[in-house]
Amino acid sequence: MRILHPLNQDWWFAPVALPLDASDDDFTPVTLPHSNKLFTRLSVDNTDYQFVSTYRRCFMLPEVTAGQQVFVDFDGALLVSTVYVNGVLVGEHKGGYTPFSFEITRHVRVGENMLTVYVDATESPDVPPFGGQVDYLTFGGLYREVTLRMVDPC
């Protein structure tokens, strides 16, 4: 059996890299998809959105999922994402236009869990789509959906 839980509501955002134990007062509430910075149509400088931001979301893992494998799926994040669950690093993804997943089974517990994502939107020639190859703005942030996926073990 496969169970999907969308995680697009109830995120907290800070336009800086905050420590994992930062206070909720340091964040503002957001809903995904989300851009790390909003611009007027008149003035956009591509360096204005190139910074590391912090996204955080608490989620509940129900008891009925015990014994299943648990994954967190990201449909898109610009540009380099570093993902923590309950304070433990579970992985890093480089690239803004491809979905990615991390198995988080051994890092979650029944009940409350904390998902923290650092998104570095700084252009880098070794991370697609950059390297002087694009002629458009890419912005940054968790700009697509995030889902918690639970599946029976294989």
C-alpha atoms as a PDB file:
ATOM      1  CA  MET A   1       0.000   0.000   0.000  1.00  0.00           C
ATOM      2  CA  ARG A   2       1.176   3.518  -0.804  1.00  0.00           C
ATOM      3  CA  ILE A   3       0.102   6.529   1.250  1.00  0.00           C
ATOM      4  CA  LEU A   4       0.803  10.116   0.156  1.00  0.00           C
ATOM      5  CA  HIS A   5       0.579  13.158   2.408  1.00  0.00           C
ATOM      6  CA  PRO A   6       1.046  16.559   0.709  1.00  0.00           C
ATOM      7  CA  LEU A   7       3.250  18.860   2.771  1.00  0.00           C
ATOM      8  CA  ASN A   8       2.534  22.168   1.004  1.00  0.00           C
ATOM      9  CA  GLN A   9       0.805  23.945   3.892  1.00  0.00           C
ATOM     10  CA  ASP A  10       2.189  25.169   7.217  1.00  0.00           C
ATOM     11  CA  TRP A  11       5.813  25.818   6.250  1.00  0.00           C
ATOM     12  CA  TRP A  12       8.018  28.348   8.013  1.00  0.00           C
ATOM     13  CA  PHE A  13      10.516  30.418   6.016  1.00  0.00           C
ATOM     14  CA  ALA A  14      13.524  32.609   6.781  1.00  0.00           C
ATOM     15  CA  PRO A  15      15.594  34.361   4.099  1.00  0.00           C
ATOM     16  CA  VAL A  16      18.798  33.381   5.921  1.00  0.00           C
ATOM     17  CA  ALA A  17      20.481  30.156   7.022  1.00  0.00           C
ATOM     18  CA  LEU A  18      19.233  29.650  10.577  1.00  0.00           C
ATOM     19  CA  PRO A  19      20.430  26.989  13.007  1.00  0.00           C
ATOM     20  CA  LEU A  20      18.346  23.831  13.282  1.00  0.00           C
ATOM     21  CA  ASP A  21      17.198  24.859  16.760  1.00  0.00           C
ATOM     22  CA  ALA A  22      16.169  28.409  15.772  1.00  0.00           C
ATOM     23  CA  SER A  23      13.075  29.861  17.405  1.00  0.00           C
ATOM     24  CA  ASP A  24       9.775  29.923  15.519  1.00  0.00           C
ATOM     25  CA  ASP A  25       9.890  33.711  15.986  1.00  0.00           C
ATOM     26  CA  ASP A  26      12.705  33.845  13.393  1.00  0.00           C
ATOM     27  CA  PHE A  27      10.408  32.520  10.639  1.00  0.00           C
ATOM     28  CA  THR A  28       7.376  33.690   8.693  1.00  0.00           C
ATOM     29  CA  PRO A  29       4.602  31.303   7.588  1.00  0.00           C
ATOM     30  CA  VAL A  30       4.469  30.345   3.891  1.00  0.00           C
ATOM     31  CA  THR A  31       2.672  27.933   1.604  1.00  0.00           C
ATOM     32  CA  LEU A  32       4.336  25.997  -1.206  1.00  0.00           C
ATOM     33  CA  PRO A  33       5.095  26.648  -3.966  1.00  0.00           C
ATOM     34  CA  HIS A  34       7.199  29.524  -2.660  1.00  0.00           C
ATOM     35  CA  SER A  35       9.839  31.862  -4.061  1.00  0.00           C
ATOM     36  CA  ASN A  36      12.604  33.009  -1.743  1.00  0.00           C
ATOM     37  CA  LYS A  37      12.024  36.649  -2.737  1.00  0.00           C
ATOM     38  CA  LEU A  38       9.290  38.654  -4.450  1.00  0.00           C
ATOM     39  CA  PHE A  39      10.111  41.370  -6.947  1.00  0.00           C
ATOM     40  CA  THR A  40       8.320  44.226  -8.587  1.00  0.00           C
ATOM     41  CA  ARG A  41       8.057  44.013 -12.353  1.00  0.00           C
ATOM     42  CA  LEU A  42      10.200  47.120 -12.711  1.00  0.00           C
ATOM     43  CA  SER A  43      13.411  46.122 -11.018  1.00  0.00           C
ATOM     44  CA  VAL A  44      14.938  42.667 -10.842  1.00  0.00           C
ATOM     45  CA  ASP A  45      18.611  42.025 -10.211  1.00  0.00           C
ATOM     46  CA  ASN A  46      19.481  38.326 -10.399  1.00  0.00           C
ATOM     47  CA  THR A  47      21.897  38.611  -7.465  1.00  0.00           C
ATOM     48  CA  ASP A  48      19.050  39.713  -5.167  1.00  0.00           C
ATOM     49  CA  TYR A  49      17.665  36.172  -4.837  1.00  0.00           C
ATOM     50  CA  GLN A  50      21.016  34.360  -4.620  1.00  0.00           C
ATOM     51  CA  PHE A  51      21.234  33.473  -0.949  1.00  0.00           C
ATOM     52  CA  VAL A  52      20.684  30.560   1.426  1.00  0.00           C
ATOM     53  CA  SER A  53      17.211  30.375   2.957  1.00  0.00           C
ATOM     54  CA  THR A  54      15.684  28.083   5.553  1.00  0.00           C
ATOM     55  CA  TYR A  55      12.389  26.225   5.258  1.00  0.00           C
ATOM     56  CA  ARG A  56      10.971  24.275   8.158  1.00  0.00           C
ATOM     57  CA  ARG A  57       7.857  22.190   8.683  1.00  0.00           C
ATOM     58  CA  CYS A  58       6.577  20.032  11.487  1.00  0.00           C
ATOM     59  CA  PHE A  59       4.643  16.926  10.443  1.00  0.00           C
ATOM     60  CA  MET A  60       2.905  14.124  12.263  1.00  0.00           C
ATOM     61  CA  LEU A  61       3.609  10.492  11.456  1.00  0.00           C
ATOM     62  CA  PRO A  62       0.585   8.369  12.409  1.00  0.00           C
ATOM     63  CA  GLU A  63       0.992   5.038  14.145  1.00  0.00           C
ATOM     64  CA  VAL A  64      -0.642   3.183  11.254  1.00  0.00           C
ATOM     65  CA  THR A  65       2.518   3.788   9.213  1.00  0.00           C
ATOM     66  CA  ALA A  66       4.721   1.767  11.559  1.00  0.00           C
ATOM     67  CA  GLY A  67       6.648  -0.814   9.531  1.00  0.00           C
ATOM     68  CA  GLN A  68       6.416   1.133   6.278  1.00  0.00           C
ATOM     69  CA  GLN A  69       9.265   2.863   4.481  1.00  0.00           C
ATOM     70  CA  VAL A  70       8.967   6.654   4.605  1.00  0.00           C
ATOM     71  CA  PHE A  71      10.219   9.039   1.928  1.00  0.00           C
ATOM     72  CA  VAL A  72      10.103  12.801   1.473  1.00  0.00           C
ATOM     73  CA  ASP A  73       9.627  13.782  -2.190  1.00  0.00           C
ATOM     74  CA  PHE A  74      10.490  17.204  -3.588  1.00  0.00           C
ATOM     75  CA  ASP A  75       9.070  18.115  -6.998  1.00  0.00           C
ATOM     76  CA  GLY A  76      11.501  21.016  -7.369  1.00  0.00           C
ATOM     77  CA  ALA A  77      13.786  23.321  -5.397  1.00  0.00           C
ATOM     78  CA  LEU A  78      16.239  25.915  -6.681  1.00  0.00           C
ATOM     79  CA  LEU A  79      19.156  25.325  -6.484  1.00  0.00           C
ATOM     80  CA  VAL A  80      21.055  23.281  -3.906  1.00  0.00           C
ATOM     81  CA  SER A  81      18.932  21.690  -1.178  1.00  0.00           C
ATOM     82  CA  THR A  82      20.239  20.272   2.080  1.00  0.00           C
ATOM     83  CA  VAL A  83      17.596  18.290   3.960  1.00  0.00           C
ATOM     84  CA  TYR A  84      17.412  17.430   7.663  1.00  0.00           C
ATOM     85  CA  VAL A  85      14.837  15.354   9.545  1.00  0.00           C
ATOM     86  CA  ASN A  86      14.737  15.720  13.313  1.00  0.00           C
ATOM     87  CA  GLY A  87      18.142  17.392  13.200  1.00  0.00           C
ATOM     88  CA  VAL A  88      19.829  14.623  11.179  1.00  0.00           C
ATOM     89  CA  LEU A  89      21.209  15.279   7.689  1.00  0.00           C
ATOM     90  CA  VAL A  90      19.409  12.978   5.248  1.00  0.00           C
ATOM     91  CA  GLY A  91      20.810  14.278   1.973  1.00  0.00           C
ATOM     92  CA  GLU A  92      21.702  17.010  -0.467  1.00  0.00           C
ATOM     93  CA  HIS A  93      20.407  17.611  -3.983  1.00  0.00           C
ATOM     94  CA  LYS A  94      22.005  19.817  -6.627  1.00  0.00           C
ATOM     95  CA  GLY A  95      19.935  21.081  -9.528  1.00  0.00           C
ATOM     96  CA  GLY A  96      16.801  23.125  -9.804  1.00  0.00           C
ATOM     97  CA  TYR A  97      14.651  21.333 -12.341  1.00  0.00           C
ATOM     98  CA  THR A  98      14.633  17.694 -11.325  1.00  0.00           C
ATOM     99  CA  PRO A  99      12.541  16.076  -8.601  1.00  0.00           C
ATOM    100  CA  PHE A 100      14.355  14.270  -5.799  1.00  0.00           C
ATOM    101  CA  SER A 101      13.577  12.043  -2.815  1.00  0.00           C
ATOM    102  CA  PHE A 102      15.211  10.896   0.385  1.00  0.00           C
ATOM    103  CA  GLU A 103      14.292   7.837   2.407  1.00  0.00           C
ATOM    104  CA  ILE A 104      13.781   9.044   5.959  1.00  0.00           C
ATOM    105  CA  THR A 105      12.463   5.855   7.602  1.00  0.00           C
ATOM    106  CA  ARG A 106      15.177   5.549  10.233  1.00  0.00           C
ATOM    107  CA  HIS A 107      15.062   9.275  11.049  1.00  0.00           C
ATOM    108  CA  VAL A 108      11.329   9.641  11.770  1.00  0.00           C
ATOM    109  CA  ARG A 109       9.257   8.551  14.727  1.00  0.00           C
ATOM    110  CA  VAL A 110       5.563   8.054  15.311  1.00  0.00           C
ATOM    111  CA  GLY A 111       4.196  11.443  16.318  1.00  0.00           C
ATOM    112  CA  GLU A 112       5.807  14.826  15.712  1.00  0.00           C
ATOM    113  CA  ASN A 113       8.799  15.237  13.369  1.00  0.00           C
ATOM    114  CA  MET A 114      10.678  18.263  12.035  1.00  0.00           C
ATOM    115  CA  LEU A 115      11.710  18.682   8.383  1.00  0.00           C
ATOM    116  CA  THR A 116      14.280  21.426   7.710  1.00  0.00           C
ATOM    117  CA  VAL A 117      15.500  22.371   4.245  1.00  0.00           C
ATOM    118  CA  TYR A 118      18.291  24.809   3.461  1.00  0.00           C
ATOM    119  CA  VAL A 119      17.957  26.059  -0.101  1.00  0.00           C
ATOM    120  CA  ASP A 120      20.991  27.778  -1.611  1.00  0.00           C
ATOM    121  CA  ALA A 121      19.877  29.771  -4.659  1.00  0.00           C
ATOM    122  CA  THR A 122      23.378  31.020  -5.477  1.00  0.00           C
ATOM    123  CA  GLU A 123      24.224  30.470  -9.126  1.00  0.00           C
ATOM    124  CA  SER A 124      27.074  28.021  -9.568  1.00  0.00           C
ATOM    125  CA  PRO A 125      28.720  27.006 -12.847  1.00  0.00           C
ATOM    126  CA  ASP A 126      28.878  23.336 -11.773  1.00  0.00           C
ATOM    127  CA  VAL A 127      25.149  23.053 -10.916  1.00  0.00           C
ATOM    128  CA  PRO A 128      22.686  23.007 -13.816  1.00  0.00           C
ATOM    129  CA  PRO A 129      21.180  25.089 -15.302  1.00  0.00           C
ATOM    130  CA  PHE A 130      23.968  27.642 -14.838  1.00  0.00           C
ATOM    131  CA  GLY A 131      27.492  27.986 -16.175  1.00  0.00           C
ATOM    132  CA  GLY A 132      26.679  30.924 -18.440  1.00  0.00           C
ATOM    133  CA  GLN A 133      24.139  28.835 -20.350  1.00  0.00           C
ATOM    134  CA  VAL A 134      20.850  30.500 -19.428  1.00  0.00           C
ATOM    135  CA  ASP A 135      19.356  33.837 -20.371  1.00  0.00           C
ATOM    136  CA  TYR A 136      16.481  33.930 -17.884  1.00  0.00           C
ATOM    137  CA  LEU A 137      15.983  34.428 -14.158  1.00  0.00           C
ATOM    138  CA  THR A 138      15.717  31.299 -12.042  1.00  0.00           C
ATOM    139  CA  PHE A 139      14.929  32.744  -8.599  1.00  0.00           C
ATOM    140  CA  GLY A 140      15.102  30.304  -5.677  1.00  0.00           C
ATOM    141  CA  GLY A 141      13.128  28.417  -3.068  1.00  0.00           C
ATOM    142  CA  LEU A 142      10.820  25.430  -2.762  1.00  0.00           C
ATOM    143  CA  TYR A 143       8.939  26.305  -5.910  1.00  0.00           C
ATOM    144  CA  ARG A 144       7.102  22.984  -6.343  1.00  0.00           C
ATOM    145  CA  GLU A 145       5.261  20.529  -4.116  1.00  0.00           C
ATOM    146  CA  VAL A 146       6.677  18.430  -1.265  1.00  0.00           C
ATOM    147  CA  THR A 147       5.066  15.107  -0.332  1.00  0.00           C
ATOM    148  CA  LEU A 148       5.513  12.580   2.436  1.00  0.00           C
ATOM    149  CA  ARG A 149       5.268   9.087   0.914  1.00  0.00           C
ATOM    150  CA  MET A 150       4.857   5.866   2.865  1.00  0.00           C
ATOM    151  CA  VAL A 151       5.095   2.469   1.184  1.00  0.00           C
ATOM    152  CA  ASP A 152       5.112  -1.130   2.293  1.00  0.00           C
ATOM    153  CA  PRO A 153       8.635  -2.572   2.487  1.00  0.00           C
ATOM    154  CA  CYS A 154       9.811  -4.469  -0.574  1.00  0.00           C
END
